C-alpha atoms as a PDB file:
ATOM      1  CA  MET A   1     -12.975 -34.262 -56.983  1.00  0.00           C
ATOM      2  CA  ASN A   2      -9.554 -35.764 -57.667  1.00  0.00           C
ATOM      3  CA  GLU A   3      -9.638 -34.580 -61.276  1.00  0.00           C
ATOM      4  CA  PHE A   4     -10.639 -31.096 -60.124  1.00  0.00           C
ATOM      5  CA  LEU A   5      -7.712 -31.000 -57.683  1.00  0.00           C
ATOM      6  CA  SER A   6      -5.178 -32.146 -60.260  1.00  0.00           C
ATOM      7  CA  GLN A   7      -6.329 -29.487 -62.721  1.00  0.00           C
ATOM      8  CA  ASN A   8      -7.003 -26.532 -60.419  1.00  0.00           C
ATOM      9  CA  TYR A   9      -4.910 -26.923 -57.257  1.00  0.00           C
ATOM     10  CA  PHE A  10      -2.155 -24.518 -58.285  1.00  0.00           C
ATOM     11  CA  LEU A  11      -4.575 -22.036 -59.865  1.00  0.00           C
ATOM     12  CA  ILE A  12      -6.689 -21.768 -56.701  1.00  0.00           C
ATOM     13  CA  THR A  13      -3.608 -21.533 -54.494  1.00  0.00           C
ATOM     14  CA  HIS A  14      -2.067 -18.722 -56.536  1.00  0.00           C
ATOM     15  CA  LEU A  15      -5.400 -16.885 -56.710  1.00  0.00           C
ATOM     16  CA  VAL A  16      -5.814 -16.730 -52.919  1.00  0.00           C
ATOM     17  CA  GLU A  17      -2.143 -15.813 -52.473  1.00  0.00           C
ATOM     18  CA  PHE A  18      -2.348 -12.887 -54.869  1.00  0.00           C
ATOM     19  CA  LEU A  19      -5.750 -11.939 -53.438  1.00  0.00           C
ATOM     20  CA  ALA A  20      -4.168 -11.491 -50.005  1.00  0.00           C
ATOM     21  CA  ALA A  21      -1.131  -9.684 -51.434  1.00  0.00           C
ATOM     22  CA  GLY A  22      -3.306  -7.421 -53.587  1.00  0.00           C
ATOM     23  CA  THR A  23      -5.571  -6.625 -50.640  1.00  0.00           C
ATOM     24  CA  GLY A  24      -2.545  -5.703 -48.569  1.00  0.00           C
ATOM     25  CA  LEU A  25      -1.269  -3.337 -51.253  1.00  0.00           C
ATOM     26  CA  PHE A  26      -4.755  -1.837 -51.639  1.00  0.00           C
ATOM     27  CA  PHE A  27      -4.849  -1.044 -47.902  1.00  0.00           C
ATOM     28  CA  TYR A  28      -1.170  -0.067 -47.831  1.00  0.00           C
ATOM     29  CA  LYS A  29      -1.817   3.465 -46.548  1.00  0.00           C
ATOM     30  CA  LYS A  30      -4.053   2.117 -43.800  1.00  0.00           C
ATOM     31  CA  TYR A  31      -1.174   0.111 -42.295  1.00  0.00           C
ATOM     32  CA  LYS A  32       1.717   2.338 -43.371  1.00  0.00           C
ATOM     33  CA  ALA A  33       2.541   3.395 -39.805  1.00  0.00           C
ATOM     34  CA  ALA A  34       1.987  -0.067 -38.303  1.00  0.00           C
ATOM     35  CA  ALA A  35       4.166  -3.171 -38.117  1.00  0.00           C
ATOM     36  CA  ALA A  36       1.654  -4.871 -40.409  1.00  0.00           C
ATOM     37  CA  ILE A  37       3.321  -3.072 -43.315  1.00  0.00           C
ATOM     38  CA  TYR A  38       6.102  -5.685 -43.089  1.00  0.00           C
ATOM     39  CA  PHE A  39       3.469  -8.401 -43.268  1.00  0.00           C
ATOM     40  CA  ILE A  40       1.986  -6.891 -46.429  1.00  0.00           C
ATOM     41  CA  TRP A  41       5.361  -6.982 -48.157  1.00  0.00           C
ATOM     42  CA  PHE A  42       5.808 -10.557 -46.971  1.00  0.00           C
ATOM     43  CA  LEU A  43       2.496 -11.511 -48.601  1.00  0.00           C
ATOM     44  CA  VAL A  44       3.743 -10.055 -51.888  1.00  0.00           C
ATOM     45  CA  TYR A  45       7.018 -11.943 -51.468  1.00  0.00           C
ATOM     46  CA  SER A  46       5.177 -15.206 -50.683  1.00  0.00           C
ATOM     47  CA  ALA A  47       2.909 -14.932 -53.716  1.00  0.00           C
ATOM     48  CA  PHE A  48       5.802 -14.505 -56.134  1.00  0.00           C
ATOM     49  CA  VAL A  49       8.037 -17.058 -54.408  1.00  0.00           C
ATOM     50  CA  ASP A  50       5.334 -19.702 -54.671  1.00  0.00           C
ATOM     51  CA  LEU A  51       4.690 -18.832 -58.313  1.00  0.00           C
ATOM     52  CA  ILE A  52       8.395 -19.068 -59.181  1.00  0.00           C
ATOM     53  CA  SER A  53       8.623 -22.396 -57.330  1.00  0.00           C
ATOM     54  CA  ARG A  54       6.668 -23.908 -60.230  1.00  0.00           C
ATOM     55  CA  TYR A  55       9.676 -23.397 -62.500  1.00  0.00           C
ATOM     56  CA  PRO A  56       9.983 -27.131 -63.373  1.00  0.00           C
ATOM     57  CA  ARG A  57       6.454 -26.966 -64.800  1.00  0.00           C
ATOM     58  CA  PHE A  58       7.281 -23.775 -66.694  1.00  0.00           C
ATOM     59  CA  PHE A  59      10.388 -25.365 -68.212  1.00  0.00           C
ATOM     60  CA  ASN A  60       8.342 -28.409 -69.172  1.00  0.00           C
ATOM     61  CA  TYR A  61       5.583 -26.259 -70.704  1.00  0.00           C
ATOM     62  CA  LEU A  62       8.154 -24.325 -72.740  1.00  0.00           C
ATOM     63  CA  GLU A  63       9.721 -27.634 -73.807  1.00  0.00           C
ATOM     64  CA  THR A  64      13.073 -26.611 -72.328  1.00  0.00           C
ATOM     65  CA  PHE A  65      13.065 -28.981 -69.359  1.00  0.00           C
ATOM     66  CA  ASP A  66      16.102 -30.787 -70.747  1.00  0.00           C
ATOM     67  CA  SER A  67      18.183 -27.737 -69.766  1.00  0.00           C
ATOM     68  CA  ILE A  68      17.708 -28.577 -66.064  1.00  0.00           C
ATOM     69  CA  GLU A  69      17.105 -32.311 -66.349  1.00  0.00           C
ATOM     70  CA  ASN A  70      19.573 -34.455 -64.382  1.00  0.00           C
ATOM     71  CA  THR A  71      20.895 -31.374 -62.590  1.00  0.00           C
ATOM     72  CA  MET A  72      20.501 -30.289 -58.985  1.00  0.00           C
ATOM     73  CA  PHE A  73      17.793 -27.865 -60.146  1.00  0.00           C
ATOM     74  CA  GLU A  74      15.589 -30.527 -61.737  1.00  0.00           C
ATOM     75  CA  ARG A  75      13.314 -30.503 -58.693  1.00  0.00           C
ATOM     76  CA  ASN A  76      12.349 -27.492 -56.588  1.00  0.00           C
ATOM     77  CA  TYR A  77      13.011 -28.869 -53.107  1.00  0.00           C
ATOM     78  CA  TRP A  78      16.054 -26.624 -52.629  1.00  0.00           C
ATOM     79  CA  TYR A  79      14.081 -23.551 -53.671  1.00  0.00           C
ATOM     80  CA  ILE A  80      11.123 -24.222 -51.366  1.00  0.00           C
ATOM     81  CA  THR A  81      13.370 -25.071 -48.428  1.00  0.00           C
ATOM     82  CA  ILE A  82      15.445 -21.887 -48.721  1.00  0.00           C
ATOM     83  CA  PHE A  83      12.971 -19.311 -49.993  1.00  0.00           C
ATOM     84  CA  TRP A  84       9.845 -20.521 -48.220  1.00  0.00           C
ATOM     85  CA  VAL A  85      10.546 -22.728 -45.189  1.00  0.00           C
ATOM     86  CA  ILE A  86      13.612 -20.881 -43.927  1.00  0.00           C
ATOM     87  CA  ALA A  87      12.714 -17.401 -45.187  1.00  0.00           C
ATOM     88  CA  SER A  88       9.145 -17.499 -43.857  1.00  0.00           C
ATOM     89  CA  THR A  89      10.323 -18.786 -40.484  1.00  0.00           C
ATOM     90  CA  LEU A  90      12.857 -15.979 -40.175  1.00  0.00           C
ATOM     91  CA  PHE A  91      10.216 -13.457 -41.183  1.00  0.00           C
ATOM     92  CA  TYR A  92       7.605 -14.611 -38.674  1.00  0.00           C
ATOM     93  CA  VAL A  93      10.113 -14.662 -35.822  1.00  0.00           C
ATOM     94  CA  PHE A  94      11.259 -11.175 -36.882  1.00  0.00           C
ATOM     95  CA  TYR A  95       7.660  -9.975 -37.153  1.00  0.00           C
ATOM     96  CA  PHE A  96       6.625 -11.135 -33.697  1.00  0.00           C
ATOM     97  CA  GLN A  97       9.882  -9.778 -32.309  1.00  0.00           C
ATOM     98  CA  LYS A  98       8.798  -6.465 -33.834  1.00  0.00           C
ATOM     99  CA  ILE A  99       5.317  -6.375 -32.296  1.00  0.00           C
ATOM    100  CA  ILE A 100       6.197  -7.800 -28.885  1.00  0.00           C
ATOM    101  CA  GLN A 101       6.931  -5.036 -26.384  1.00  0.00           C
ATOM    102  CA  HIS A 102       8.665  -6.811 -23.491  1.00  0.00           C
ATOM    103  CA  PRO A 103      12.487  -6.553 -23.868  1.00  0.00           C
ATOM    104  CA  LYS A 104      13.193 -10.059 -22.522  1.00  0.00           C
ATOM    105  CA  LEU A 105      10.727 -11.653 -24.918  1.00  0.00           C
ATOM    106  CA  LYS A 106      12.274  -9.697 -27.781  1.00  0.00           C
ATOM    107  CA  THR A 107      15.700 -11.023 -26.788  1.00  0.00           C
ATOM    108  CA  ILE A 108      14.418 -14.601 -26.765  1.00  0.00           C
ATOM    109  CA  LEU A 109      13.098 -14.233 -30.310  1.00  0.00           C
ATOM    110  CA  LYS A 110      16.281 -12.557 -31.487  1.00  0.00           C
ATOM    111  CA  PHE A 111      18.241 -15.534 -30.164  1.00  0.00           C
ATOM    112  CA  THR A 112      15.721 -17.968 -31.701  1.00  0.00           C
ATOM    113  CA  LYS A 113      16.054 -16.337 -35.106  1.00  0.00           C
ATOM    114  CA  TRP A 114      19.833 -16.684 -35.200  1.00  0.00           C
ATOM    115  CA  LEU A 115      19.790 -20.167 -33.695  1.00  0.00           C
ATOM    116  CA  PHE A 116      17.363 -21.380 -36.367  1.00  0.00           C
ATOM    117  CA  LEU A 117      19.446 -19.859 -39.161  1.00  0.00           C
ATOM    118  CA  ILE A 118      22.698 -21.368 -37.861  1.00  0.00           C
ATOM    119  CA  ALA A 119      21.054 -24.762 -37.305  1.00  0.00           C
ATOM    120  CA  SER A 120      19.675 -24.721 -40.862  1.00  0.00           C
ATOM    121  CA  ILE A 121      23.117 -23.966 -42.297  1.00  0.00           C
ATOM    122  CA  ILE A 122      24.616 -26.834 -40.289  1.00  0.00           C
ATOM    123  CA  VAL A 123      21.934 -29.203 -41.595  1.00  0.00           C
ATOM    124  CA  PHE A 124      22.749 -28.101 -45.150  1.00  0.00           C
ATOM    125  CA  ILE A 125      26.443 -28.793 -44.608  1.00  0.00           C
ATOM    126  CA  PHE A 126      25.883 -32.334 -43.338  1.00  0.00           C
ATOM    127  CA  ASP A 127      22.973 -33.215 -45.617  1.00  0.00           C
ATOM    128  CA  PHE A 128      23.652 -31.113 -48.708  1.00  0.00           C
ATOM    129  CA  GLU A 129      22.534 -33.669 -51.312  1.00  0.00           C
ATOM    130  CA  LYS A 130      19.140 -34.113 -49.656  1.00  0.00           C
ATOM    131  CA  LEU A 131      18.460 -30.408 -50.158  1.00  0.00           C
ATOM    132  CA  TYR A 132      18.008 -31.091 -53.884  1.00  0.00           C
ATOM    133  CA  THR A 133      16.233 -34.453 -53.712  1.00  0.00           C
ATOM    134  CA  SER A 134      13.629 -34.230 -50.938  1.00  0.00           C
ATOM    135  CA  LYS A 135      12.289 -32.223 -48.051  1.00  0.00           C
ATOM    136  CA  ILE A 136      14.391 -32.126 -44.894  1.00  0.00           C
ATOM    137  CA  PRO A 137      12.173 -33.016 -41.898  1.00  0.00           C
ATOM    138  CA  LEU A 138      14.598 -31.607 -39.320  1.00  0.00           C
ATOM    139  CA  ILE A 139      14.417 -28.126 -40.831  1.00  0.00           C
ATOM    140  CA  HIS A 140      10.619 -28.307 -40.875  1.00  0.00           C
ATOM    141  CA  ILE A 141      10.613 -29.348 -37.212  1.00  0.00           C
ATOM    142  CA  LEU A 142      12.928 -26.479 -36.249  1.00  0.00           C
ATOM    143  CA  SER A 143      10.793 -24.128 -38.327  1.00  0.00           C
ATOM    144  CA  THR A 144       7.591 -25.195 -36.587  1.00  0.00           C
ATOM    145  CA  LEU A 145       9.163 -24.905 -33.133  1.00  0.00           C
ATOM    146  CA  SER A 146      10.523 -21.428 -33.904  1.00  0.00           C
ATOM    147  CA  VAL A 147       7.212 -20.112 -35.232  1.00  0.00           C
ATOM    148  CA  PHE A 148       5.279 -21.768 -32.412  1.00  0.00           C
ATOM    149  CA  LEU A 149       7.573 -20.130 -29.848  1.00  0.00           C
ATOM    150  CA  ALA A 150       7.203 -16.704 -31.474  1.00  0.00           C
ATOM    151  CA  ILE A 151       3.411 -16.938 -31.535  1.00  0.00           C
ATOM    152  CA  SER A 152       3.264 -18.310 -27.987  1.00  0.00           C
ATOM    153  CA  LEU A 153       5.326 -15.414 -26.636  1.00  0.00           C
ATOM    154  CA  TYR A 154       3.099 -12.918 -28.450  1.00  0.00           C
ATOM    155  CA  LEU A 155      -0.084 -14.496 -27.070  1.00  0.00           C
ATOM    156  CA  PHE A 156       1.484 -14.719 -23.609  1.00  0.00           C
ATOM    157  CA  GLU A 157       2.198 -10.994 -23.674  1.00  0.00           C
ATOM    158  CA  ILE A 158      -1.336 -10.241 -24.871  1.00  0.00           C
ATOM    159  CA  LEU A 159      -2.836 -12.316 -22.052  1.00  0.00           C
ATOM    160  CA  ASN A 160      -0.795 -10.383 -19.504  1.00  0.00           C
ATOM    161  CA  SER A 161      -1.599  -6.889 -20.745  1.00  0.00           C
ATOM    162  CA  ASP A 162      -4.545  -4.568 -21.258  1.00  0.00           C
ATOM    163  CA  ARG A 163      -4.473  -5.445 -24.956  1.00  0.00           C
ATOM    164  CA  ILE A 164      -6.433  -8.591 -24.111  1.00  0.00           C
ATOM    165  CA  LEU A 165      -9.517  -6.342 -23.926  1.00  0.00           C
ATOM    166  CA  ILE A 166      -9.300  -5.485 -27.634  1.00  0.00           C
ATOM    167  CA  PHE A 167      -7.407  -8.502 -29.009  1.00  0.00           C
ATOM    168  CA  TYR A 168     -10.234  -9.273 -31.457  1.00  0.00           C
ATOM    169  CA  GLN A 169      -9.627  -5.921 -33.181  1.00  0.00           C
ATOM    170  CA  SER A 170      -5.921  -6.508 -33.764  1.00  0.00           C
ATOM    171  CA  ILE A 171      -4.699  -7.821 -37.106  1.00  0.00           C
ATOM    172  CA  ASN A 172      -1.709  -9.373 -35.331  1.00  0.00           C
ATOM    173  CA  PHE A 173      -3.992 -11.673 -33.351  1.00  0.00           C
ATOM    174  CA  TYR A 174      -5.541 -13.029 -36.556  1.00  0.00           C
ATOM    175  CA  ILE A 175      -2.136 -13.344 -38.202  1.00  0.00           C
ATOM    176  CA  SER A 176      -0.774 -15.314 -35.251  1.00  0.00           C
ATOM    177  CA  SER A 177      -3.748 -17.664 -34.871  1.00  0.00           C
ATOM    178  CA  THR A 178      -4.010 -18.296 -38.620  1.00  0.00           C
ATOM    179  CA  VAL A 179      -0.296 -18.998 -39.052  1.00  0.00           C
ATOM    180  CA  LEU A 180      -0.298 -21.315 -36.042  1.00  0.00           C
ATOM    181  CA  ILE A 181      -3.204 -23.355 -37.411  1.00  0.00           C
ATOM    182  CA  TRP A 182      -1.627 -23.546 -40.893  1.00  0.00           C
ATOM    183  CA  TRP A 183       1.734 -24.682 -39.539  1.00  0.00           C
ATOM    184  CA  LEU A 184       0.199 -27.352 -37.295  1.00  0.00           C
ATOM    185  CA  ILE A 185      -1.874 -28.717 -40.195  1.00  0.00           C
ATOM    186  CA  THR A 186       0.862 -28.863 -42.834  1.00  0.00           C
ATOM    187  CA  THR A 187       4.011 -29.807 -40.897  1.00  0.00           C
ATOM    188  CA  PRO A 188       3.015 -33.466 -40.194  1.00  0.00           C
ATOM    189  CA  LEU A 189       2.655 -34.037 -43.943  1.00  0.00           C
ATOM    190  CA  VAL A 190       6.403 -33.583 -44.372  1.00  0.00           C
ATOM    191  CA  PHE A 191       7.059 -36.899 -42.626  1.00  0.00           C
ATOM    192  CA  TYR A 192       4.889 -38.726 -45.147  1.00  0.00           C
ATOM    193  CA  ASP A 193       6.504 -37.070 -48.140  1.00  0.00           C
ATOM    194  CA  LEU A 194       8.018 -40.358 -49.315  1.00  0.00           C
ATOM    195  CA  TYR A 195       4.481 -41.466 -50.241  1.00  0.00           C
ATOM    196  CA  PHE A 196       3.979 -38.406 -52.440  1.00  0.00           C
ATOM    197  CA  SER A 197       4.403 -40.240 -55.726  1.00  0.00           C
ATOM    198  CA  GLN A 198       2.365 -41.975 -58.389  1.00  0.00           C
ATOM    199  CA  ALA A 199       2.739 -45.192 -56.389  1.00  0.00           C
ATOM    200  CA  ASP A 200       0.059 -44.003 -53.957  1.00  0.00           C
ATOM    201  CA  TRP A 201      -2.402 -41.652 -55.630  1.00  0.00           C
ATOM    202  CA  ASN A 202      -4.744 -41.763 -52.633  1.00  0.00           C
ATOM    203  CA  PHE A 203      -2.137 -40.047 -50.503  1.00  0.00           C
ATOM    204  CA  VAL A 204      -1.257 -37.663 -53.322  1.00  0.00           C
ATOM    205  CA  PHE A 205      -4.826 -36.392 -53.532  1.00  0.00           C
ATOM    206  CA  LEU A 206      -5.229 -36.366 -49.749  1.00  0.00           C
ATOM    207  CA  LYS A 207      -2.147 -34.168 -49.506  1.00  0.00           C
ATOM    208  CA  TYR A 208      -3.520 -31.880 -52.216  1.00  0.00           C
ATOM    209  CA  GLN A 209      -6.816 -31.585 -50.336  1.00  0.00           C
ATOM    210  CA  ILE A 210      -5.160 -30.756 -47.017  1.00  0.00           C
ATOM    211  CA  PHE A 211      -2.783 -28.183 -48.503  1.00  0.00           C
ATOM    212  CA  LEU A 212      -5.535 -26.601 -50.584  1.00  0.00           C
ATOM    213  CA  PHE A 213      -7.801 -26.256 -47.549  1.00  0.00           C
ATOM    214  CA  ALA A 214      -4.943 -24.917 -45.410  1.00  0.00           C
ATOM    215  CA  ASN A 215      -3.820 -22.409 -48.045  1.00  0.00           C
ATOM    216  CA  VAL A 216      -7.320 -21.135 -48.810  1.00  0.00           C
ATOM    217  CA  PHE A 217      -8.068 -20.838 -45.093  1.00  0.00           C
ATOM    218  CA  MET A 218      -4.840 -18.956 -44.397  1.00  0.00           C
ATOM    219  CA  TYR A 219      -4.876 -16.475 -47.263  1.00  0.00           C
ATOM    220  CA  VAL A 220      -8.613 -15.766 -47.077  1.00  0.00           C
ATOM    221  CA  SER A 221      -8.180 -15.151 -43.331  1.00  0.00           C
ATOM    222  CA  PHE A 222      -5.323 -12.744 -44.064  1.00  0.00           C
ATOM    223  CA  THR A 223      -7.454 -10.974 -46.660  1.00  0.00           C
ATOM    224  CA  LEU A 224     -10.385 -10.501 -44.282  1.00  0.00           C
ATOM    225  CA  ALA A 225      -8.094  -9.372 -41.459  1.00  0.00           C
ATOM    226  CA  LEU A 226      -6.487  -6.730 -43.678  1.00  0.00           C
ATOM    227  CA  ILE A 227      -9.920  -5.442 -44.666  1.00  0.00           C
ATOM    228  CA  PHE A 228     -11.663  -5.321 -41.296  1.00  0.00           C
ATOM    229  CA  CYS A 229      -8.941  -4.812 -38.668  1.00  0.00           C
ATOM    230  CA  LYS A 230      -7.681  -1.416 -37.558  1.00  0.00           C
ATOM    231  CA  PRO A 231      -3.944  -0.725 -37.203  1.00  0.00           C
ATOM    232  CA  GLN A 232      -4.356   1.529 -34.173  1.00  0.00           C
ATOM    233  CA  TYR A 233      -5.225  -1.522 -32.069  1.00  0.00           C
ATOM    234  CA  ASP A 234      -1.815  -3.143 -32.658  1.00  0.00           C
END
């Protein structure tokens, strides 16, 4: 199992990511008039961002790693933090702000979006070197809280409206529940990131297993939702 993970983790992850993105593009016309169109473009963005995040491996494979060795770009922490953690958080808050109908709830998410961005910039200023050497737990905590708030407000509005009668037909319900589960599963792993080294291979493979399960679950769920849900129920 461990050998399988070490050899196929990235391949499986990229396959399910591009499966979801490709499915979204295939059903593009179906969701063209719905807010889910933004989500489809985000899936495409996510697939390519994650692929590009492997750039240290690509440099090593091309035997050009020495061009980034001993530089701030030697590891991809900065890239993942900016283009995935922060960017995905801003997108999800924006997305739920888009689909929520109550003006006050929209205002809360608008404020949350800007507060998270400003807080992230402040963290960068005071902990700039860490951006290139490791994950920054505080940003992950703020990210989780922001996404959790956005999803909670969306579900709160659903529970207090007639849309509760057809929630199971809405793609936004499946997006929200899937994202919430993924975030709650993966965020705690950030605090144990210092063990993610060859000094503790048991934790390395455990982390691979958890992330692989979470990623497959999330992107397969997105794929099925895009196929079977109907945009008119959003």
